[in-house]
Amino acid sequence: MAPIILCYDKCTTCKKALKWVEEMGYDATIRPIKEENPTAAELKQWHERSGLPLKKFFNTSGNLYKEMGLKDRLPEMDEEEQYRLLATDGMLVRRPLLVTEKGVCPGFRQKAWEKLF
């Protein structure tokens, strides 16, 4: 499986990550997160493989997260509800999201990405 990077073309962090991937000479499939939102099943699988809390998969600084009042709502939701919610709109998902055979990393953290590539 080739690494997949889910990103948003207007996101500066995504642009930075893609530039780094290109400079390092890595190959990856780019998937536009707004147009090809991950499914609840994908998110569940990726979350489990990441070893991170599910909250790390939410774009907590995004406008939609704030408009929906998710800071207060998420603690009351179970994981299945959160996966379904994340799957409704790619703008709720933290990006860029790197998915490789070695693991999954929401957000661009160069050292973590180096390990996964």
N, C-alpha and C. Protein backbone atom coordinates (compact mmCIF):
# COMPACT_ATOMS: atom_id res chain seq x y z
N MET A 1 0.85 -1.19 0.00
CA MET A 1 0.00 0.00 0.00
C MET A 1 0.88 1.24 0.00
N ALA A 2 0.66 2.12 -0.96
CA ALA A 2 1.40 3.38 -1.00
C ALA A 2 0.86 4.30 0.09
N PRO A 3 1.72 5.09 0.72
CA PRO A 3 1.23 6.03 1.73
C PRO A 3 0.16 6.95 1.13
N ILE A 4 -0.80 7.32 1.96
CA ILE A 4 -1.87 8.23 1.55
C ILE A 4 -1.78 9.46 2.45
N ILE A 5 -1.90 10.62 1.83
CA ILE A 5 -1.96 11.87 2.59
C ILE A 5 -3.29 12.52 2.28
N LEU A 6 -4.14 12.64 3.30
CA LEU A 6 -5.40 13.34 3.14
C LEU A 6 -5.14 14.79 3.50
N CYS A 7 -5.45 15.69 2.58
CA CYS A 7 -5.15 17.10 2.83
C CYS A 7 -6.18 18.01 2.17
N TYR A 8 -6.06 19.27 2.52
CA TYR A 8 -6.94 20.32 2.01
C TYR A 8 -6.05 21.33 1.29
N ASP A 9 -6.36 21.64 0.05
CA ASP A 9 -5.46 22.45 -0.77
C ASP A 9 -5.26 23.89 -0.28
N LYS A 10 -6.14 24.40 0.56
CA LYS A 10 -5.98 25.76 1.06
C LYS A 10 -5.31 25.81 2.44
N CYS A 11 -4.98 24.64 2.98
CA CYS A 11 -4.38 24.53 4.32
C CYS A 11 -2.87 24.75 4.24
N THR A 12 -2.36 25.71 4.99
CA THR A 12 -0.92 26.01 4.95
C THR A 12 -0.09 24.85 5.54
N THR A 13 -0.60 24.19 6.55
CA THR A 13 0.13 23.05 7.11
C THR A 13 0.19 21.91 6.10
N CYS A 14 -0.88 21.70 5.37
CA CYS A 14 -0.88 20.67 4.32
C CYS A 14 0.14 21.01 3.24
N LYS A 15 0.18 22.27 2.84
CA LYS A 15 1.15 22.70 1.82
C LYS A 15 2.58 22.46 2.31
N LYS A 16 2.82 22.78 3.58
CA LYS A 16 4.15 22.57 4.17
C LYS A 16 4.51 21.08 4.17
N ALA A 17 3.56 20.26 4.55
CA ALA A 17 3.79 18.81 4.60
C ALA A 17 4.06 18.25 3.20
N LEU A 18 3.28 18.66 2.22
CA LEU A 18 3.46 18.17 0.86
C LEU A 18 4.80 18.61 0.28
N LYS A 19 5.20 19.82 0.61
CA LYS A 19 6.50 20.31 0.17
C LYS A 19 7.62 19.46 0.77
N TRP A 20 7.49 19.15 2.06
CA TRP A 20 8.48 18.32 2.74
C TRP A 20 8.54 16.94 2.11
N VAL A 21 7.38 16.33 1.84
CA VAL A 21 7.33 15.01 1.21
C VAL A 21 8.03 15.03 -0.14
N GLU A 22 7.78 16.08 -0.91
CA GLU A 22 8.41 16.22 -2.22
C GLU A 22 9.93 16.38 -2.08
N GLU A 23 10.36 17.24 -1.16
CA GLU A 23 11.79 17.47 -0.95
C GLU A 23 12.52 16.20 -0.50
N MET A 24 11.83 15.36 0.27
CA MET A 24 12.43 14.12 0.76
C MET A 24 12.40 13.02 -0.30
N GLY A 25 11.67 13.25 -1.38
CA GLY A 25 11.60 12.28 -2.47
C GLY A 25 10.67 11.10 -2.18
N TYR A 26 9.75 11.28 -1.24
CA TYR A 26 8.80 10.21 -0.92
C TYR A 26 7.66 10.20 -1.92
N ASP A 27 7.12 9.03 -2.14
CA ASP A 27 5.93 8.89 -2.98
C ASP A 27 4.71 8.68 -2.08
N ALA A 28 3.64 9.34 -2.42
CA ALA A 28 2.39 9.18 -1.67
C ALA A 28 1.22 9.53 -2.57
N THR A 29 0.10 8.93 -2.28
CA THR A 29 -1.14 9.27 -2.96
C THR A 29 -1.78 10.42 -2.20
N ILE A 30 -2.11 11.48 -2.90
CA ILE A 30 -2.75 12.64 -2.28
C ILE A 30 -4.26 12.50 -2.44
N ARG A 31 -4.95 12.62 -1.34
CA ARG A 31 -6.42 12.49 -1.36
C ARG A 31 -7.03 13.77 -0.78
N PRO A 32 -7.79 14.50 -1.59
CA PRO A 32 -8.42 15.73 -1.10
C PRO A 32 -9.50 15.43 -0.06
N ILE A 33 -9.26 15.87 1.16
CA ILE A 33 -10.11 15.50 2.29
C ILE A 33 -11.51 16.08 2.21
N LYS A 34 -11.65 17.22 1.55
CA LYS A 34 -12.98 17.84 1.45
C LYS A 34 -13.84 17.08 0.43
N GLU A 35 -13.24 16.69 -0.68
CA GLU A 35 -13.98 16.00 -1.74
C GLU A 35 -14.10 14.50 -1.48
N GLU A 36 -13.09 13.90 -0.85
CA GLU A 36 -13.09 12.46 -0.59
C GLU A 36 -12.94 12.23 0.91
N ASN A 37 -13.95 12.65 1.65
CA ASN A 37 -13.94 12.53 3.10
C ASN A 37 -13.78 11.07 3.51
N PRO A 38 -12.98 10.83 4.54
CA PRO A 38 -12.85 9.45 5.00
C PRO A 38 -14.18 8.93 5.55
N THR A 39 -14.38 7.64 5.39
CA THR A 39 -15.59 7.01 5.91
C THR A 39 -15.41 6.73 7.41
N ALA A 40 -16.50 6.44 8.07
CA ALA A 40 -16.44 6.10 9.50
C ALA A 40 -15.59 4.85 9.70
N ALA A 41 -15.71 3.89 8.79
CA ALA A 41 -14.93 2.65 8.89
C ALA A 41 -13.43 2.93 8.73
N GLU A 42 -13.07 3.78 7.77
CA GLU A 42 -11.67 4.15 7.60
C GLU A 42 -11.14 4.85 8.84
N LEU A 43 -11.91 5.79 9.35
CA LEU A 43 -11.49 6.55 10.52
C LEU A 43 -11.29 5.63 11.73
N LYS A 44 -12.18 4.68 11.89
CA LYS A 44 -12.05 3.74 13.01
C LYS A 44 -10.77 2.93 12.87
N GLN A 45 -10.54 2.41 11.69
CA GLN A 45 -9.34 1.62 11.45
C GLN A 45 -8.08 2.46 11.67
N TRP A 46 -8.05 3.66 11.13
CA TRP A 46 -6.87 4.52 11.25
C TRP A 46 -6.65 4.95 12.71
N HIS A 47 -7.73 5.25 13.39
CA HIS A 47 -7.62 5.63 14.80
C HIS A 47 -7.00 4.49 15.61
N GLU A 48 -7.50 3.28 15.40
CA GLU A 48 -6.98 2.13 16.13
C GLU A 48 -5.50 1.90 15.83
N ARG A 49 -5.10 2.09 14.59
CA ARG A 49 -3.70 1.89 14.20
C ARG A 49 -2.79 3.00 14.71
N SER A 50 -3.35 4.17 14.96
CA SER A 50 -2.53 5.31 15.38
C SER A 50 -2.06 5.21 16.82
N GLY A 51 -2.88 4.59 17.68
CA GLY A 51 -2.55 4.54 19.10
C GLY A 51 -2.80 5.86 19.81
N LEU A 52 -3.46 6.79 19.15
CA LEU A 52 -3.73 8.11 19.71
C LEU A 52 -5.17 8.21 20.20
N PRO A 53 -5.44 9.17 21.09
CA PRO A 53 -6.84 9.42 21.47
C PRO A 53 -7.62 9.90 20.25
N LEU A 54 -8.89 9.53 20.15
CA LEU A 54 -9.71 9.91 19.01
C LEU A 54 -9.79 11.42 18.83
N LYS A 55 -9.74 12.16 19.93
CA LYS A 55 -9.82 13.62 19.83
C LYS A 55 -8.72 14.19 18.92
N LYS A 56 -7.58 13.49 18.82
CA LYS A 56 -6.47 13.96 17.97
C LYS A 56 -6.86 13.96 16.49
N PHE A 57 -7.94 13.28 16.14
CA PHE A 57 -8.37 13.23 14.75
C PHE A 57 -9.32 14.38 14.40
N PHE A 58 -9.72 15.15 15.39
CA PHE A 58 -10.60 16.29 15.14
C PHE A 58 -9.78 17.55 14.90
N ASN A 59 -10.22 18.33 13.92
CA ASN A 59 -9.60 19.62 13.62
C ASN A 59 -10.17 20.65 14.61
N THR A 60 -9.58 20.66 15.81
CA THR A 60 -10.13 21.48 16.90
C THR A 60 -9.96 22.98 16.66
N SER A 61 -9.11 23.35 15.71
CA SER A 61 -8.95 24.78 15.43
C SER A 61 -9.81 25.23 14.24
N GLY A 62 -10.55 24.30 13.65
CA GLY A 62 -11.36 24.62 12.49
C GLY A 62 -12.65 25.34 12.84
N ASN A 63 -13.13 26.11 11.89
CA ASN A 63 -14.37 26.87 12.08
C ASN A 63 -15.57 25.95 12.33
N LEU A 64 -15.66 24.87 11.57
CA LEU A 64 -16.80 23.97 11.70
C LEU A 64 -16.84 23.34 13.10
N TYR A 65 -15.69 22.94 13.61
CA TYR A 65 -15.60 22.37 14.96
C TYR A 65 -16.15 23.36 15.98
N LYS A 66 -15.75 24.61 15.83
CA LYS A 66 -16.19 25.66 16.76
C LYS A 66 -17.68 25.96 16.59
N GLU A 67 -18.13 26.07 15.33
CA GLU A 67 -19.54 26.38 15.07
C GLU A 67 -20.46 25.31 15.63
N MET A 68 -20.01 24.07 15.59
CA MET A 68 -20.83 22.96 16.05
C MET A 68 -20.74 22.75 17.57
N GLY A 69 -19.91 23.56 18.23
CA GLY A 69 -19.77 23.45 19.68
C GLY A 69 -19.24 22.09 20.13
N LEU A 70 -18.32 21.52 19.34
CA LEU A 70 -17.87 20.16 19.61
C LEU A 70 -16.98 20.05 20.85
N LYS A 71 -16.40 21.13 21.28
CA LYS A 71 -15.58 21.08 22.50
C LYS A 71 -16.43 20.55 23.66
N ASP A 72 -17.66 20.99 23.72
CA ASP A 72 -18.56 20.58 24.80
C ASP A 72 -19.32 19.29 24.48
N ARG A 73 -19.54 19.03 23.20
CA ARG A 73 -20.36 17.88 22.81
C ARG A 73 -19.58 16.57 22.76
N LEU A 74 -18.31 16.62 22.35
CA LEU A 74 -17.55 15.38 22.17
C LEU A 74 -17.48 14.50 23.41
N PRO A 75 -17.24 15.07 24.60
CA PRO A 75 -17.14 14.21 25.78
C PRO A 75 -18.41 13.39 26.05
N GLU A 76 -19.53 13.85 25.54
CA GLU A 76 -20.79 13.15 25.76
C GLU A 76 -21.07 12.07 24.70
N MET A 77 -20.23 12.04 23.65
CA MET A 77 -20.45 11.10 22.55
C MET A 77 -19.56 9.87 22.70
N ASP A 78 -20.08 8.70 22.30
CA ASP A 78 -19.22 7.52 22.29
C ASP A 78 -18.39 7.53 21.00
N GLU A 79 -17.43 6.60 20.91
CA GLU A 79 -16.53 6.60 19.76
C GLU A 79 -17.25 6.40 18.44
N GLU A 80 -18.23 5.52 18.40
CA GLU A 80 -18.96 5.28 17.15
C GLU A 80 -19.65 6.55 16.66
N GLU A 81 -20.24 7.30 17.58
CA GLU A 81 -20.87 8.58 17.22
C GLU A 81 -19.82 9.56 16.69
N GLN A 82 -18.66 9.57 17.30
CA GLN A 82 -17.60 10.47 16.86
C GLN A 82 -17.08 10.09 15.47
N TYR A 83 -16.93 8.79 15.20
CA TYR A 83 -16.52 8.36 13.86
C TYR A 83 -17.55 8.80 12.82
N ARG A 84 -18.83 8.59 13.12
CA ARG A 84 -19.89 9.00 12.18
C ARG A 84 -19.86 10.50 11.96
N LEU A 85 -19.65 11.27 13.02
CA LEU A 85 -19.59 12.71 12.90
C LEU A 85 -18.40 13.14 12.04
N LEU A 86 -17.22 12.59 12.31
CA LEU A 86 -16.04 12.91 11.51
C LEU A 86 -16.26 12.59 10.03
N ALA A 87 -16.98 11.53 9.75
CA ALA A 87 -17.21 11.10 8.37
C ALA A 87 -18.20 12.00 7.62
N THR A 88 -18.88 12.90 8.33
CA THR A 88 -19.86 13.76 7.66
C THR A 88 -19.20 14.91 6.89
N ASP A 89 -18.00 15.33 7.29
CA ASP A 89 -17.37 16.48 6.65
C ASP A 89 -15.86 16.44 6.87
N GLY A 90 -15.11 16.44 5.77
CA GLY A 90 -13.65 16.40 5.84
C GLY A 90 -13.04 17.55 6.60
N MET A 91 -13.78 18.64 6.72
CA MET A 91 -13.24 19.80 7.42
C MET A 91 -13.21 19.58 8.95
N LEU A 92 -13.85 18.54 9.42
CA LEU A 92 -13.79 18.21 10.85
C LEU A 92 -12.54 17.40 11.20
N VAL A 93 -11.91 16.81 10.18
CA VAL A 93 -10.77 15.93 10.38
C VAL A 93 -9.46 16.72 10.40
N ARG A 94 -8.62 16.42 11.38
CA ARG A 94 -7.32 17.09 11.46
C ARG A 94 -6.49 16.70 10.25
N ARG A 95 -5.84 17.66 9.70
CA ARG A 95 -5.07 17.45 8.49
C ARG A 95 -3.72 18.14 8.57
N PRO A 96 -2.81 17.70 7.76
CA PRO A 96 -2.88 16.54 6.88
C PRO A 96 -2.90 15.26 7.70
N LEU A 97 -3.46 14.24 7.10
CA LEU A 97 -3.55 12.94 7.77
C LEU A 97 -2.74 11.94 6.94
N LEU A 98 -1.66 11.43 7.55
CA LEU A 98 -0.79 10.48 6.87
C LEU A 98 -1.18 9.06 7.26
N VAL A 99 -1.40 8.22 6.25
CA VAL A 99 -1.75 6.82 6.47
C VAL A 99 -0.72 5.96 5.71
N THR A 100 0.03 5.15 6.46
CA THR A 100 1.01 4.25 5.85
C THR A 100 0.83 2.85 6.43
N GLU A 101 1.56 1.89 5.90
CA GLU A 101 1.50 0.54 6.45
C GLU A 101 2.06 0.51 7.87
N LYS A 102 2.97 1.44 8.17
CA LYS A 102 3.60 1.48 9.49
C LYS A 102 2.73 2.14 10.55
N GLY A 103 1.80 2.98 10.14
CA GLY A 103 0.96 3.67 11.10
C GLY A 103 0.22 4.85 10.50
N VAL A 104 -0.39 5.63 11.40
CA VAL A 104 -1.23 6.76 11.01
C VAL A 104 -0.88 7.95 11.88
N CYS A 105 -0.81 9.15 11.26
CA CYS A 105 -0.48 10.36 12.01
C CYS A 105 -1.34 11.53 11.55
N PRO A 106 -2.25 11.99 12.41
CA PRO A 106 -3.02 13.20 12.09
C PRO A 106 -2.18 14.44 12.40
N GLY A 107 -2.15 15.38 11.47
CA GLY A 107 -1.33 16.58 11.64
C GLY A 107 0.09 16.32 11.15
N PHE A 108 0.79 17.38 10.81
CA PHE A 108 2.16 17.24 10.30
C PHE A 108 3.16 17.44 11.43
N ARG A 109 3.77 16.34 11.82
CA ARG A 109 4.88 16.37 12.76
C ARG A 109 6.03 15.64 12.07
N GLN A 110 7.02 16.40 11.66
CA GLN A 110 8.07 15.87 10.79
C GLN A 110 8.71 14.59 11.32
N LYS A 111 9.06 14.55 12.58
CA LYS A 111 9.72 13.35 13.14
C LYS A 111 8.80 12.13 13.07
N ALA A 112 7.53 12.33 13.38
CA ALA A 112 6.57 11.22 13.30
C ALA A 112 6.41 10.77 11.85
N TRP A 113 6.35 11.72 10.93
CA TRP A 113 6.20 11.36 9.52
C TRP A 113 7.44 10.62 9.01
N GLU A 114 8.62 11.04 9.44
CA GLU A 114 9.85 10.36 9.03
C GLU A 114 9.79 8.88 9.41
N LYS A 115 9.31 8.59 10.61
CA LYS A 115 9.21 7.20 11.07
C LYS A 115 8.21 6.40 10.24
N LEU A 116 7.14 7.06 9.81
CA LEU A 116 6.10 6.35 9.07
C LEU A 116 6.45 6.15 7.60
N PHE A 117 7.28 7.01 7.05
CA PHE A 117 7.72 6.82 5.67
C PHE A 117 8.86 5.83 5.68
